[in-house]
Amino acid sequence: MTRGKQKIEAQRKNAERNQKPKGSQFEARAVALKISCPICKAQLANAKQLADHYASKHPREQPPAEPE
């Protein structure tokens, strides 16, 4: 086998490249989801998503005023 060493090196590089990142994403998720719906406690990223959420999930309620 003339390509034995090249094959092993390629496998090692691919294994390093395909390795998943270590750790959890709880901290990143908590930072991204800043607004929560006061009715159903769904976590949302911004005020526009909250308005869309109110339109689809709580059509009879008025969304809270945006803090400026």
Protein backbone atom coordinates (compact mmCIF):
# COMPACT_ATOMS: atom_id res chain seq x y z
CA MET A 1 0.00 0.00 0.00
CA THR A 2 1.78 3.08 -1.19
CA ARG A 3 -0.75 5.61 0.14
CA GLY A 4 -1.02 4.23 3.66
CA LYS A 5 0.51 7.23 5.40
CA GLN A 6 -1.45 9.73 3.28
CA LYS A 7 -4.69 7.88 4.06
CA ILE A 8 -4.02 7.92 7.80
CA GLU A 9 -3.15 11.64 7.71
CA ALA A 10 -6.30 12.43 5.70
CA GLN A 11 -8.45 10.49 8.18
CA ARG A 12 -6.88 12.32 11.11
CA LYS A 13 -7.44 15.73 9.50
CA ASN A 14 -11.06 14.89 8.66
CA ALA A 15 -11.68 13.70 12.22
CA GLU A 16 -10.33 17.00 13.59
CA ARG A 17 -12.38 19.03 11.12
CA ASN A 18 -15.63 17.15 11.82
CA GLN A 19 -15.31 17.29 15.59
CA LYS A 20 -18.28 19.01 17.23
CA PRO A 21 -17.66 22.04 19.46
CA LYS A 22 -17.42 21.21 23.13
CA GLY A 23 -19.71 22.63 25.77
CA SER A 24 -23.35 23.55 25.89
CA GLN A 25 -25.23 26.37 24.22
CA PHE A 26 -27.26 27.41 27.27
CA GLU A 27 -25.29 30.61 27.79
CA ALA A 28 -25.52 31.66 24.14
CA ARG A 29 -29.23 30.88 24.07
CA ALA A 30 -29.89 32.88 27.23
CA VAL A 31 -28.12 35.91 25.76
CA ALA A 32 -30.04 35.71 22.47
CA LEU A 33 -33.52 35.26 23.96
CA LYS A 34 -34.10 38.52 25.80
CA ILE A 35 -37.89 39.05 25.63
CA SER A 36 -40.55 36.72 26.98
CA CYS A 37 -44.29 36.71 26.32
CA PRO A 38 -46.12 37.68 29.53
CA ILE A 39 -49.05 35.40 28.67
CA CYS A 40 -47.44 32.08 27.69
CA LYS A 41 -43.82 32.77 28.76
CA ALA A 42 -42.40 31.97 25.31
CA GLN A 43 -38.90 33.37 24.91
CA LEU A 44 -38.26 35.60 21.89
CA ALA A 45 -35.25 37.46 20.52
CA ASN A 46 -36.71 40.91 19.79
CA ALA A 47 -39.82 43.10 19.85
CA LYS A 48 -40.72 42.33 16.23
CA GLN A 49 -40.90 38.63 17.02
CA LEU A 50 -43.05 39.45 20.04
CA ALA A 51 -45.48 41.40 17.84
CA ASP A 52 -45.63 38.52 15.35
CA HIS A 53 -46.12 36.08 18.22
CA TYR A 54 -49.03 38.12 19.57
CA ALA A 55 -50.63 38.28 16.12
CA SER A 56 -50.50 34.51 15.65
CA LYS A 57 -50.88 33.10 19.17
CA HIS A 58 -52.82 35.77 21.07
CA PRO A 59 -54.93 37.61 18.45
CA ARG A 60 -57.43 39.01 20.98
CA GLU A 61 -54.73 40.60 23.14
CA GLN A 62 -52.75 43.77 22.51
CA PRO A 63 -48.94 43.45 22.51
CA PRO A 64 -47.16 45.44 25.19
CA ALA A 65 -45.69 48.79 24.22
CA GLU A 66 -42.09 48.71 23.04
CA PRO A 67 -39.60 50.25 25.47
CA GLU A 68 -37.49 52.82 23.64
